[in-house]
């Protein structure tokens, strides 16, 4: 067993403390979910929290949704292992939020009701567009869910001092069961309050660790970076580009692909976009964005201290706990280190607290993702495509709850073999799929008068299929030794780990081709009405049908 794991595994008191804090976090979130379930009386309550959240509340929830396990665990781990190149994830995620704000967020909120497909189907044929949008939403959500569940497995494996894949798989199943409970009982109201609580806890925990790391180096950033470079074993190259990306031409293209996926991906992530349906008006949407930008910006700056602090204070070499987890446990181990070290009471308390916060982060994000995909299945596929008669709200909500169970089961099944991958990297794949499948259709629908049903369907399916196929035949799945999801075989032919640089332009290209080759014509009247809705919010609460 790795020596870094022995103290936690060997000391029952530490383990009891950890389990107690975990239990407390789960109990609090379950109470919130139970309370929220009593407030859910209509579809608007379940899907959009009754549109009752203030700008500040929704801003906290948006930040809570966005600052996922990929940010807290994955990015800090990438920085700890790869220095400068790892920090590029922080930059990409932060810039991506600004792109989403400028291009999509408020316009989408004004022109839809419950799901992304409401906006797309407003001036198109309902069935084909809603089917495509719902399919894309579910696939993107499952990709994102994988990252959160892998993070949960790594976290609990660390705290219990085990490396067993079987125990980590059991943790993934437990997280999946909890997220299904949150979604089926609490809906958007419960999920939002869980995310608010989680955002406050995560920011507080990150501030504490950042302060303690900087205190170790007398608040001298130069000393921190110098110690990280020396301890990493890479020297000055640790603080320069090229340690992870850019070693050869393929690596440089892979880096460009990653950057493109990160910057454009958020604007196509359904679970982020539907958060803007929970506020009563455009003014609240803008205020929630201001809160979110402030919180997210500060948080990603602090990932510098987490990542470089881990590199400076922990063993990140081959065979270490950090390296074996692909960096996913760097932040919790850093908390233990600055709290007094392995085996100390302070270290155990801080480790348990940060791990509990990280677990709350995972629970909140998986609940939001599952709710998004279940809502899309029930509202878009069942209510508007599958059902021959318009279902009642009660029937639609029952279907949403069953869909949450099914989607949770699929995510669990896929997350178990993905345990060897860094979770920030897994999220980058979700960003690539979202940017390829959803973003082209959303932008064309908002800003291109001629865009039609064929264009929307071609764009969504073209971007989705190209992104997923390229991932399947990339080094992520096979051909990269122990770093691949499937070992012992090699069927990859696509050289890049992130498909964004190919699949995102294909999504736009398919949208153009479908628009010009399709026989249907877009209604100029409907486009004008959509434009008024998007830019003014007039009629945004009305049904998006024709």
Protein backbone atom coordinates (compact mmCIF):
# COMPACT_ATOMS: atom_id res chain seq x y z
CA UNK A 1 0.00 0.00 0.00
CA UNK A 2 1.19 3.51 -0.75
CA UNK A 3 2.73 5.10 2.38
CA UNK A 4 0.63 8.23 1.90
CA UNK A 5 -2.49 6.13 2.41
CA UNK A 6 -1.35 4.12 5.44
CA UNK A 7 -2.21 6.64 8.20
CA UNK A 8 -5.79 6.97 7.07
CA UNK A 9 -6.19 3.26 6.58
CA UNK A 10 -4.59 2.41 9.90
CA UNK A 11 -6.23 4.88 12.27
CA UNK A 12 -9.85 4.08 13.14
CA UNK A 13 -10.35 7.53 14.66
CA UNK A 14 -9.49 9.24 11.41
CA UNK A 15 -11.75 6.92 9.50
CA UNK A 16 -14.59 7.49 11.97
CA UNK A 17 -14.16 11.26 11.58
CA UNK A 18 -14.26 10.97 7.82
CA UNK A 19 -17.33 8.74 7.78
CA UNK A 20 -19.10 11.06 10.24
CA UNK A 21 -18.51 14.12 8.07
CA UNK A 22 -19.56 12.28 4.94
CA UNK A 23 -22.71 11.11 6.67
CA UNK A 24 -23.46 14.65 7.84
CA UNK A 25 -23.09 16.02 4.30
CA UNK A 26 -25.37 13.36 2.86
CA UNK A 27 -27.92 13.86 5.68
CA UNK A 28 -28.05 17.64 5.14
CA UNK A 29 -28.47 17.30 1.37
CA UNK A 30 -31.17 14.63 1.80
CA UNK A 31 -33.03 16.89 4.23
CA UNK A 32 -32.89 19.76 1.72
CA UNK A 33 -34.18 17.43 -0.98
CA UNK A 34 -37.02 16.19 1.23
CA UNK A 35 -38.00 19.77 2.13
CA UNK A 36 -37.96 20.83 -1.51
CA UNK A 37 -40.10 17.88 -2.58
CA UNK A 38 -42.98 19.30 -0.53
CA UNK A 39 -42.80 22.53 -2.56
CA UNK A 40 -43.08 20.78 -5.95
CA UNK A 41 -46.66 21.01 -7.19
CA UNK A 42 -46.33 21.80 -10.92
CA UNK A 43 -44.04 21.06 -13.86
CA UNK A 44 -42.55 24.55 -13.47
CA UNK A 45 -41.67 23.69 -9.86
CA UNK A 46 -39.97 20.43 -10.85
CA UNK A 47 -38.19 21.64 -13.99
CA UNK A 48 -37.40 25.26 -13.07
CA UNK A 49 -37.85 25.57 -9.30
CA UNK A 50 -41.01 27.63 -9.85
CA UNK A 51 -38.77 30.38 -11.33
CA UNK A 52 -38.57 31.62 -7.75
CA UNK A 53 -34.81 32.03 -7.19
CA UNK A 54 -33.21 35.45 -6.89
CA UNK A 55 -30.22 36.53 -8.95
CA UNK A 56 -27.83 36.00 -6.03
CA UNK A 57 -29.25 32.57 -5.22
CA UNK A 58 -29.10 31.44 -8.83
CA UNK A 59 -25.60 32.89 -9.18
CA UNK A 60 -24.44 30.72 -6.29
CA UNK A 61 -26.19 27.71 -7.83
CA UNK A 62 -24.66 28.37 -11.27
CA UNK A 63 -21.22 28.64 -9.69
CA UNK A 64 -21.92 25.48 -7.71
CA UNK A 65 -22.91 23.67 -10.89
CA UNK A 66 -19.87 24.92 -12.78
CA UNK A 67 -17.24 24.38 -10.07
CA UNK A 68 -17.51 20.63 -10.30
CA UNK A 69 -15.22 17.83 -9.19
CA UNK A 70 -13.29 18.48 -12.40
CA UNK A 71 -12.38 21.91 -11.08
CA UNK A 72 -11.67 21.12 -7.46
CA UNK A 73 -10.03 17.72 -7.91
CA UNK A 74 -9.13 17.37 -11.58
CA UNK A 75 -7.60 20.75 -12.40
CA UNK A 76 -5.55 20.95 -9.21
CA UNK A 77 -4.28 17.45 -10.00
CA UNK A 78 -3.34 18.38 -13.55
CA UNK A 79 -1.41 21.42 -12.27
CA UNK A 80 0.31 19.30 -9.60
CA UNK A 81 1.47 16.82 -12.24
CA UNK A 82 2.05 19.05 -15.28
CA UNK A 83 2.46 22.60 -13.99
CA UNK A 84 1.81 25.28 -16.59
CA UNK A 85 -0.01 22.96 -18.98
CA UNK A 86 -2.37 21.87 -16.20
CA UNK A 87 -3.31 25.48 -15.43
CA UNK A 88 -4.54 25.84 -19.00
CA UNK A 89 -7.66 23.96 -17.88
CA UNK A 90 -8.41 26.76 -15.37
CA UNK A 91 -7.98 29.42 -18.04
CA UNK A 92 -10.12 27.49 -20.51
CA UNK A 93 -12.98 26.92 -18.06
CA UNK A 94 -13.00 30.58 -16.97
CA UNK A 95 -12.92 32.03 -20.50
CA UNK A 96 -15.61 29.52 -21.50
CA UNK A 97 -17.98 31.03 -18.97
CA UNK A 98 -17.55 34.49 -20.51
CA UNK A 99 -18.27 33.08 -23.97
CA UNK A 100 -21.44 31.42 -22.68
CA UNK A 101 -22.54 34.70 -21.10
CA UNK A 102 -21.97 36.79 -24.21
CA UNK A 103 -23.37 34.37 -26.79
CA UNK A 104 -26.10 32.27 -25.28
CA UNK A 105 -27.12 32.53 -21.60
CA UNK A 106 -29.64 35.38 -21.42
CA UNK A 107 -30.93 34.85 -24.97
CA UNK A 108 -31.65 31.21 -24.26
CA UNK A 109 -33.39 32.00 -20.98
CA UNK A 110 -35.68 34.50 -22.70
CA UNK A 111 -36.63 32.25 -25.60
CA UNK A 112 -37.22 28.92 -23.83
CA UNK A 113 -39.17 27.47 -20.91
CA UNK A 114 -37.70 24.33 -19.37
CA UNK A 115 -35.10 22.80 -21.71
CA UNK A 116 -32.64 23.75 -24.44
CA UNK A 117 -34.95 22.16 -27.02
CA UNK A 118 -37.72 24.69 -26.27
CA UNK A 119 -35.60 27.39 -27.89
CA UNK A 120 -34.54 25.23 -30.84
CA UNK A 121 -38.06 23.98 -31.57
CA UNK A 122 -39.70 27.40 -31.40
CA UNK A 123 -39.51 28.04 -35.16
CA UNK A 124 -38.85 24.47 -36.32
CA UNK A 125 -40.80 21.24 -36.66
CA UNK A 126 -41.23 19.96 -33.13
CA UNK A 127 -40.60 16.22 -33.30
CA UNK A 128 -37.30 15.95 -35.22
CA UNK A 129 -35.67 18.90 -33.45
CA UNK A 130 -36.78 17.90 -29.95
CA UNK A 131 -35.64 14.31 -30.57
CA UNK A 132 -32.20 15.48 -31.69
CA UNK A 133 -31.83 18.01 -28.86
CA UNK A 134 -32.92 15.51 -26.20
CA UNK A 135 -30.53 12.87 -27.54
CA UNK A 136 -27.64 15.34 -27.46
CA UNK A 137 -28.55 16.54 -23.96
CA UNK A 138 -28.55 13.01 -22.58
CA UNK A 139 -25.23 12.06 -24.22
CA UNK A 140 -23.46 15.23 -23.03
CA UNK A 141 -24.85 14.80 -19.52
CA UNK A 142 -23.64 11.19 -19.34
CA UNK A 143 -20.11 12.21 -20.43
CA UNK A 144 -20.08 14.82 -17.67
CA UNK A 145 -21.52 12.39 -15.15
CA UNK A 146 -18.62 10.01 -15.75
CA UNK A 147 -16.16 12.60 -14.48
CA UNK A 148 -18.06 13.26 -11.27
CA UNK A 149 -18.47 9.59 -10.45
CA UNK A 150 -14.80 8.80 -11.14
CA UNK A 151 -13.94 11.64 -8.77
CA UNK A 152 -16.15 10.12 -6.09
CA UNK A 153 -14.45 6.75 -6.43
CA UNK A 154 -10.97 8.28 -6.17
CA UNK A 155 -11.93 10.39 -3.18
CA UNK A 156 -13.46 7.65 -1.08
CA UNK A 157 -10.71 5.22 -2.08
CA UNK A 158 -8.17 7.68 -0.68
CA UNK A 159 -10.03 8.27 2.56
CA UNK A 160 -10.54 4.60 3.31
CA UNK A 161 -6.96 3.79 2.37
CA UNK A 162 -7.85 1.35 -0.40
CA UNK A 163 -6.95 0.97 -4.04
CA UNK A 164 -9.44 -1.78 -4.83
CA UNK A 165 -11.29 -1.13 -8.07
CA UNK A 166 -14.22 -3.07 -6.64
CA UNK A 167 -14.63 -0.72 -3.66
CA UNK A 168 -14.34 2.33 -5.92
CA UNK A 169 -17.00 0.79 -8.15
CA UNK A 170 -19.24 0.36 -5.09
CA UNK A 171 -18.76 4.06 -4.29
CA UNK A 172 -19.75 4.97 -7.85
CA UNK A 173 -22.93 2.90 -7.47
CA UNK A 174 -23.69 4.65 -4.15
CA UNK A 175 -23.26 8.11 -5.69
CA UNK A 176 -25.49 7.07 -8.58
CA UNK A 177 -28.19 5.91 -6.16
CA UNK A 178 -28.01 9.18 -4.20
CA UNK A 179 -28.26 11.33 -7.32
CA UNK A 180 -31.33 9.40 -8.44
CA UNK A 181 -32.94 10.07 -5.04
CA UNK A 182 -32.15 13.80 -5.24
CA UNK A 183 -33.63 14.16 -8.72
CA UNK A 184 -36.71 11.98 -8.36
CA UNK A 185 -37.70 13.58 -5.05
CA UNK A 186 -36.37 17.16 -5.06
CA UNK A 187 -36.48 18.26 -8.69
CA UNK A 188 -34.88 21.58 -9.65
CA UNK A 189 -35.77 23.28 -6.36
CA UNK A 190 -34.00 20.67 -4.25
CA UNK A 191 -31.08 20.43 -6.66
CA UNK A 192 -30.63 24.21 -6.65
CA UNK A 193 -30.53 24.46 -2.87
CA UNK A 194 -28.04 21.60 -2.69
CA UNK A 195 -25.87 23.46 -5.20
CA UNK A 196 -26.09 26.70 -3.21
CA UNK A 197 -24.98 24.98 0.00
CA UNK A 198 -22.23 23.17 -1.89
CA UNK A 199 -20.96 26.42 -3.50
CA UNK A 200 -20.64 28.10 -0.09
CA UNK A 201 -18.83 25.09 1.38
CA UNK A 202 -16.51 24.72 -1.62
CA UNK A 203 -15.52 28.40 -1.67
CA UNK A 204 -14.92 28.39 2.10
CA UNK A 205 -12.84 25.20 1.96
CA UNK A 206 -10.78 26.42 -1.00
CA UNK A 207 -10.10 29.77 0.69
CA UNK A 208 -8.85 27.98 3.83
CA UNK A 209 -6.49 25.69 1.89
CA UNK A 210 -5.24 28.54 -0.28
CA UNK A 211 -4.51 30.67 2.80
CA UNK A 212 -2.64 27.84 4.52
CA UNK A 213 -0.59 27.06 1.40
CA UNK A 214 0.41 30.70 0.95
CA UNK A 215 1.17 30.93 4.69
CA UNK A 216 3.67 28.07 4.26
CA UNK A 217 5.55 30.23 1.75
CA UNK A 218 5.06 33.53 3.63
CA UNK A 219 2.65 34.71 0.90
CA UNK A 220 5.50 34.78 -1.61
CA UNK A 221 4.14 33.41 -4.91
CA UNK A 222 7.64 33.24 -6.41
CA UNK A 223 8.83 30.97 -3.60
CA UNK A 224 5.77 28.74 -4.06
CA UNK A 225 6.35 28.36 -7.81
CA UNK A 226 10.08 27.79 -7.30
CA UNK A 227 9.47 25.06 -4.72
CA UNK A 228 6.87 23.43 -6.99
CA UNK A 229 9.29 23.39 -9.94
CA UNK A 230 12.10 21.91 -7.82
CA UNK A 231 9.99 19.28 -6.04
CA UNK A 232 8.28 18.20 -9.27
CA UNK A 233 11.57 16.95 -10.70
CA UNK A 234 11.02 18.85 -13.94
CA UNK A 235 12.78 22.08 -12.96
CA UNK A 236 12.00 25.24 -14.92
CA UNK A 237 10.12 23.25 -17.59
CA UNK A 238 7.39 22.71 -14.97
CA UNK A 239 6.55 26.43 -15.22
CA UNK A 240 6.70 26.53 -19.02
CA UNK A 241 4.48 25.16 -21.80
CA UNK A 242 5.10 21.71 -23.22
CA UNK A 243 5.20 19.28 -20.32
CA UNK A 244 1.82 17.76 -21.23
CA UNK A 245 1.04 19.27 -24.62
CA UNK A 246 3.15 20.49 -27.51
CA UNK A 247 5.98 17.94 -27.39
CA UNK A 248 5.40 17.23 -31.10
CA UNK A 249 3.09 18.43 -33.86
CA UNK A 250 0.30 16.06 -32.80
CA UNK A 251 0.62 17.32 -29.23
CA UNK A 252 0.32 20.92 -30.39
CA UNK A 253 -2.83 20.15 -32.39
CA UNK A 254 -4.23 18.24 -29.41
CA UNK A 255 -3.66 21.32 -27.26
CA UNK A 256 -5.50 23.53 -29.75
CA UNK A 257 -8.32 21.00 -29.81
CA UNK A 258 -8.54 21.02 -26.02
CA UNK A 259 -8.54 24.83 -25.88
CA UNK A 260 -11.29 25.08 -28.50
CA UNK A 261 -13.43 22.54 -26.66
CA UNK A 262 -12.98 24.27 -23.29
CA UNK A 263 -13.69 27.79 -24.55
CA UNK A 264 -16.79 26.89 -26.59
CA UNK A 265 -18.08 23.97 -24.57
CA UNK A 266 -19.85 25.76 -21.72
CA UNK A 267 -22.13 27.59 -24.15
CA UNK A 268 -23.49 24.19 -25.19
CA UNK A 269 -23.74 22.49 -21.77
CA UNK A 270 -27.46 21.89 -21.10
CA UNK A 271 -27.14 21.58 -17.30
CA UNK A 272 -25.58 25.06 -17.11
CA UNK A 273 -27.94 26.69 -19.59
CA UNK A 274 -31.18 25.50 -17.97
CA UNK A 275 -30.16 27.19 -14.72
CA UNK A 276 -31.30 30.46 -16.28
CA UNK A 277 -34.88 29.19 -16.41
CA UNK A 278 -35.04 29.23 -12.59
CA UNK A 279 -35.11 33.05 -12.26
CA UNK A 280 -38.23 35.19 -12.78
CA UNK A 281 -36.90 37.68 -15.34
CA UNK A 282 -33.97 38.85 -17.47
CA UNK A 283 -32.72 41.24 -14.81
CA UNK A 284 -32.36 38.38 -12.35
CA UNK A 285 -30.61 36.32 -15.03
CA UNK A 286 -28.05 39.10 -15.55
CA UNK A 287 -27.55 39.49 -11.79
CA UNK A 288 -27.02 35.76 -11.38
CA UNK A 289 -24.37 35.91 -14.09
CA UNK A 290 -22.55 38.69 -12.22
CA UNK A 291 -22.51 36.63 -9.03
CA UNK A 292 -21.36 33.53 -10.89
CA UNK A 293 -18.53 35.31 -12.71
CA UNK A 294 -17.17 36.74 -9.45
CA UNK A 295 -17.25 33.42 -7.62
CA UNK A 296 -15.92 31.38 -10.54
CA UNK A 297 -13.12 33.86 -11.27
CA UNK A 298 -11.87 33.85 -7.68
CA UNK A 299 -12.13 30.08 -7.48
CA UNK A 300 -10.05 29.41 -10.60
CA UNK A 301 -7.36 31.78 -9.37
CA UNK A 302 -7.18 29.72 -6.19
CA UNK A 303 -6.64 26.52 -8.20
CA UNK A 304 -3.15 27.91 -8.80
CA UNK A 305 -2.40 27.65 -5.09
CA UNK A 306 -4.00 24.21 -4.86
CA UNK A 307 -2.11 22.76 -7.82
CA UNK A 308 1.31 24.32 -7.33
CA UNK A 309 0.96 23.89 -3.58
CA UNK A 310 0.42 20.17 -4.08
CA UNK A 311 3.47 20.02 -6.36
CA UNK A 312 5.57 21.84 -3.75
CA UNK A 313 4.42 20.00 -0.63
CA UNK A 314 3.49 16.48 -1.80
CA UNK A 315 5.20 13.59 -3.51
CA UNK A 316 3.85 13.67 -7.07
CA UNK A 317 6.39 11.30 -8.61
CA UNK A 318 5.73 7.94 -10.21
CA UNK A 319 4.10 5.54 -7.76
CA UNK A 320 2.80 8.29 -5.47
CA UNK A 321 -0.87 8.55 -4.47
CA UNK A 322 -1.23 11.70 -6.58
CA UNK A 323 0.26 10.11 -9.69
CA UNK A 324 -1.64 6.83 -9.24
CA UNK A 325 -4.95 8.72 -9.07
CA UNK A 326 -4.01 10.76 -12.19
CA UNK A 327 -3.95 13.81 -9.90
CA UNK A 328 -7.53 13.39 -8.66
CA UNK A 329 -6.58 13.28 -4.94
CA UNK A 330 -4.05 16.14 -4.95
CA UNK A 331 -6.37 18.66 -3.23
CA UNK A 332 -7.44 16.37 -0.34
CA UNK A 333 -3.85 15.27 0.30
CA UNK A 334 -2.73 18.91 0.19
CA UNK A 335 -5.36 19.71 2.83
CA UNK A 336 -3.93 16.96 5.02
CA UNK A 337 -0.39 18.28 4.51
CA UNK A 338 -1.11 21.93 5.41
CA UNK A 339 -3.27 20.79 8.35
CA UNK A 340 -0.29 19.13 10.05
CA UNK A 341 0.62 16.14 7.91
CA UNK A 342 -0.39 12.50 7.70
CA UNK A 343 -1.33 11.02 11.07
CA UNK A 344 -1.87 14.36 12.81
CA UNK A 345 -5.25 15.35 14.21
CA UNK A 346 -5.22 18.66 12.32
CA UNK A 347 -4.33 16.93 9.08
CA UNK A 348 -7.08 14.34 9.57
CA UNK A 349 -9.70 17.00 10.36
CA UNK A 350 -8.80 19.18 7.39
CA UNK A 351 -8.59 16.21 5.05
CA UNK A 352 -11.99 14.96 6.17
CA UNK A 353 -13.55 18.43 5.85
CA UNK A 354 -12.17 19.02 2.34
CA UNK A 355 -13.12 15.52 1.25
CA UNK A 356 -16.66 16.05 2.56
CA UNK A 357 -16.85 19.34 0.61
CA UNK A 358 -15.58 17.57 -2.51
CA UNK A 359 -18.18 14.85 -2.02
CA UNK A 360 -20.91 17.49 -1.66
CA UNK A 361 -19.60 19.02 -4.89
CA UNK A 362 -19.96 15.71 -6.69
CA UNK A 363 -23.45 15.06 -5.31
CA UNK A 364 -24.70 18.51 -6.33
CA UNK A 365 -23.33 18.35 -9.87
CA UNK A 366 -24.50 14.81 -10.60
CA UNK A 367 -27.97 15.77 -9.39
CA UNK A 368 -28.03 18.77 -11.75
CA UNK A 369 -26.82 16.68 -14.69
CA UNK A 370 -29.30 13.88 -14.07
CA UNK A 371 -32.17 16.34 -13.68
CA UNK A 372 -31.24 18.03 -16.97
CA UNK A 373 -31.19 14.82 -18.98
CA UNK A 374 -34.30 13.36 -17.29
CA UNK A 375 -36.21 16.62 -17.88
CA UNK A 376 -35.20 16.63 -21.51
CA UNK A 377 -36.36 13.03 -21.96
CA UNK A 378 -39.73 13.66 -20.30
CA UNK A 379 -40.45 17.15 -21.62
CA UNK A 380 -38.97 16.86 -25.12
CA UNK A 381 -39.12 13.19 -26.07
CA UNK A 382 -42.08 11.85 -24.12
CA UNK A 383 -44.43 14.83 -23.99
CA UNK A 384 -43.77 16.18 -27.49
CA UNK A 385 -42.62 13.18 -29.55
CA UNK A 386 -43.53 9.76 -28.09
CA UNK A 387 -46.93 10.43 -26.53
CA UNK A 388 -49.74 10.55 -29.09
CA UNK A 389 -51.92 12.56 -26.72
CA UNK A 390 -50.74 15.52 -24.69
CA UNK A 391 -49.83 14.04 -21.28
CA UNK A 392 -50.82 15.70 -18.03
CA UNK A 393 -48.14 17.36 -15.91
CA UNK A 394 -48.41 14.48 -13.44
CA UNK A 395 -47.74 11.90 -16.17
CA UNK A 396 -44.82 13.92 -17.53
CA UNK A 397 -43.19 14.24 -14.12
CA UNK A 398 -43.60 10.52 -13.50
CA UNK A 399 -41.75 9.82 -16.74
CA UNK A 400 -38.99 12.27 -15.72
CA UNK A 401 -38.45 10.33 -12.51
CA UNK A 402 -38.25 6.99 -14.32
CA UNK A 403 -35.84 8.56 -16.83
CA UNK A 404 -33.58 9.69 -13.96
CA UNK A 405 -33.29 6.08 -12.82
CA UNK A 406 -32.40 4.86 -16.32
CA UNK A 407 -29.86 7.60 -17.01
CA UNK A 408 -28.27 7.08 -13.61
CA UNK A 409 -27.87 3.37 -14.34
CA UNK A 410 -26.17 4.04 -17.68
CA UNK A 411 -23.80 6.57 -16.10
CA UNK A 412 -22.85 4.09 -13.36
CA UNK A 413 -22.13 1.35 -15.91
CA UNK A 414 -19.86 3.63 -17.97
CA UNK A 415 -18.08 5.27 -15.02
CA UNK A 416 -16.72 2.03 -13.59
CA UNK A 417 -14.29 1.33 -16.51
CA UNK A 418 -13.36 5.05 -16.73
CA UNK A 419 -11.73 5.15 -13.28
CA UNK A 420 -8.19 5.40 -14.69
CA UNK A 421 -8.79 8.79 -16.35
CA UNK A 422 -8.27 12.29 -14.92
CA UNK A 423 -11.65 13.87 -14.29
CA UNK A 424 -10.73 17.29 -15.73
CA UNK A 425 -9.80 15.44 -18.91
CA UNK A 426 -13.14 13.58 -18.91
CA UNK A 427 -15.02 16.87 -18.55
CA UNK A 428 -13.05 18.29 -21.48
CA UNK A 429 -14.51 15.47 -23.59
CA UNK A 430 -18.02 16.47 -22.46
CA UNK A 431 -17.22 20.05 -23.43
CA UNK A 432 -16.12 18.90 -26.89
CA UNK A 433 -19.34 16.96 -27.45
CA UNK A 434 -21.46 19.90 -26.20
CA UNK A 435 -19.63 22.41 -28.40
CA UNK A 436 -19.94 20.12 -31.43
CA UNK A 437 -23.59 19.10 -31.07
CA UNK A 438 -25.42 21.92 -29.27
CA UNK A 439 -23.62 25.21 -29.80
CA UNK A 440 -23.84 25.37 -33.63
CA UNK A 441 -27.60 24.76 -33.59
CA UNK A 442 -28.21 27.28 -30.78
CA UNK A 443 -26.23 30.04 -32.49
CA UNK A 444 -27.67 29.40 -35.95
CA UNK A 445 -31.20 29.39 -34.49
CA UNK A 446 -30.64 32.73 -32.76
CA UNK A 447 -28.77 34.61 -35.48
CA UNK A 448 -29.49 33.03 -38.90
CA UNK A 449 -32.88 33.75 -40.42
CA UNK A 450 -32.66 31.02 -43.06
CA UNK A 451 -31.77 28.25 -40.61
CA UNK A 452 -34.40 25.50 -40.75
CA UNK A 453 -35.40 22.13 -39.30
CA UNK A 454 -33.06 20.14 -41.55
CA UNK A 455 -30.16 22.39 -40.57
CA UNK A 456 -30.88 21.95 -36.87
CA UNK A 457 -31.15 18.16 -37.10
CA UNK A 458 -28.05 17.83 -39.31
CA UNK A 459 -26.08 20.14 -37.02
CA UNK A 460 -26.96 18.32 -33.79
CA UNK A 461 -26.57 14.77 -35.06
CA UNK A 462 -23.56 15.60 -37.23
CA UNK A 463 -21.65 17.24 -34.40
CA UNK A 464 -22.74 14.63 -31.85
CA UNK A 465 -21.88 11.56 -33.93
CA UNK A 466 -18.56 12.96 -35.16
CA UNK A 467 -17.45 13.87 -31.60
CA UNK A 468 -18.48 10.54 -30.06
CA UNK A 469 -17.01 8.44 -32.90
CA UNK A 470 -13.70 10.30 -32.74
CA UNK A 471 -13.54 9.77 -28.97
CA UNK A 472 -14.25 6.03 -29.36
CA UNK A 473 -11.42 5.66 -31.88
CA UNK A 474 -8.98 7.90 -30.00
CA UNK A 475 -6.20 7.07 -27.50
CA UNK A 476 -8.70 7.81 -24.72
CA UNK A 477 -10.44 4.47 -25.27
CA UNK A 478 -7.61 2.25 -26.58
CA UNK A 479 -4.00 2.26 -27.73
CA UNK A 480 -2.46 4.34 -24.94
CA UNK A 481 -1.50 1.60 -22.50
CA UNK A 482 -2.69 2.01 -18.90
CA UNK A 483 -3.98 5.51 -19.67
CA UNK A 484 -6.77 4.17 -21.92
CA UNK A 485 -10.19 3.03 -20.74
CA UNK A 486 -9.67 -0.35 -22.46
CA UNK A 487 -6.25 -1.94 -22.04
CA UNK A 488 -4.72 -4.85 -23.93
CA UNK A 489 -6.15 -3.84 -27.29
CA UNK A 490 -5.67 -1.08 -29.82
CA UNK A 491 -8.33 -0.01 -32.32
CA UNK A 492 -7.65 3.73 -32.32
CA UNK A 493 -6.96 5.56 -35.59
CA UNK A 494 -7.72 9.15 -34.52
CA UNK A 495 -4.49 10.56 -33.03
CA UNK A 496 -5.93 13.31 -30.81
CA UNK A 497 -7.25 12.85 -27.27
CA UNK A 498 -9.80 15.65 -27.67
CA UNK A 499 -11.91 15.73 -30.87
CA UNK A 500 -12.96 19.41 -30.66
CA UNK A 501 -10.77 20.80 -33.42
CA UNK A 502 -12.43 18.42 -35.92
CA UNK A 503 -15.93 17.82 -34.52
CA UNK A 504 -16.83 21.45 -33.68
CA UNK A 505 -16.28 22.76 -37.25
CA UNK A 506 -18.15 19.68 -38.52
CA UNK A 507 -21.14 20.62 -36.34
CA UNK A 508 -21.27 24.07 -37.97
CA UNK A 509 -20.67 22.61 -41.44
CA UNK A 510 -23.48 20.06 -41.11
CA UNK A 511 -25.81 22.88 -40.00
CA UNK A 512 -25.03 24.87 -43.15
CA UNK A 513 -25.35 21.84 -45.43
CA UNK A 514 -28.62 20.73 -43.86
CA UNK A 515 -30.08 24.22 -44.18
CA UNK A 516 -29.28 24.56 -47.89
CA UNK A 517 -30.03 20.95 -48.86
CA UNK A 518 -33.22 20.61 -46.80
CA UNK A 519 -36.53 21.26 -48.54
CA UNK A 520 -38.27 22.93 -45.60
CA UNK A 521 -38.25 26.70 -45.18
CA UNK A 522 -37.96 28.61 -41.94
CA UNK A 523 -40.80 30.98 -41.09
CA UNK A 524 -39.58 34.58 -41.12
CA UNK A 525 -42.46 35.51 -38.84
CA UNK A 526 -41.43 32.89 -36.29
CA UNK A 527 -37.81 34.04 -36.52
CA UNK A 528 -38.86 37.64 -35.86
CA UNK A 529 -40.91 36.51 -32.85
CA UNK A 530 -37.99 34.44 -31.53
CA UNK A 531 -35.66 37.43 -31.90
CA UNK A 532 -38.04 39.65 -29.92
CA UNK A 533 -38.33 37.00 -27.20
CA UNK A 534 -34.56 36.46 -27.03
CA UNK A 535 -33.56 40.11 -26.79
CA UNK A 536 -36.44 41.48 -24.71
CA UNK A 537 -37.84 38.52 -22.77
CA UNK A 538 -41.36 39.37 -23.99
CA UNK A 539 -43.52 36.25 -23.94
CA UNK A 540 -40.74 34.12 -22.49
CA UNK A 541 -43.12 32.35 -20.11
CA UNK A 542 -45.52 31.34 -22.88
CA UNK A 543 -45.49 27.98 -24.63
CA UNK A 544 -42.86 27.71 -27.32
CA UNK A 545 -45.10 25.94 -29.82
CA UNK A 546 -46.80 26.67 -33.07
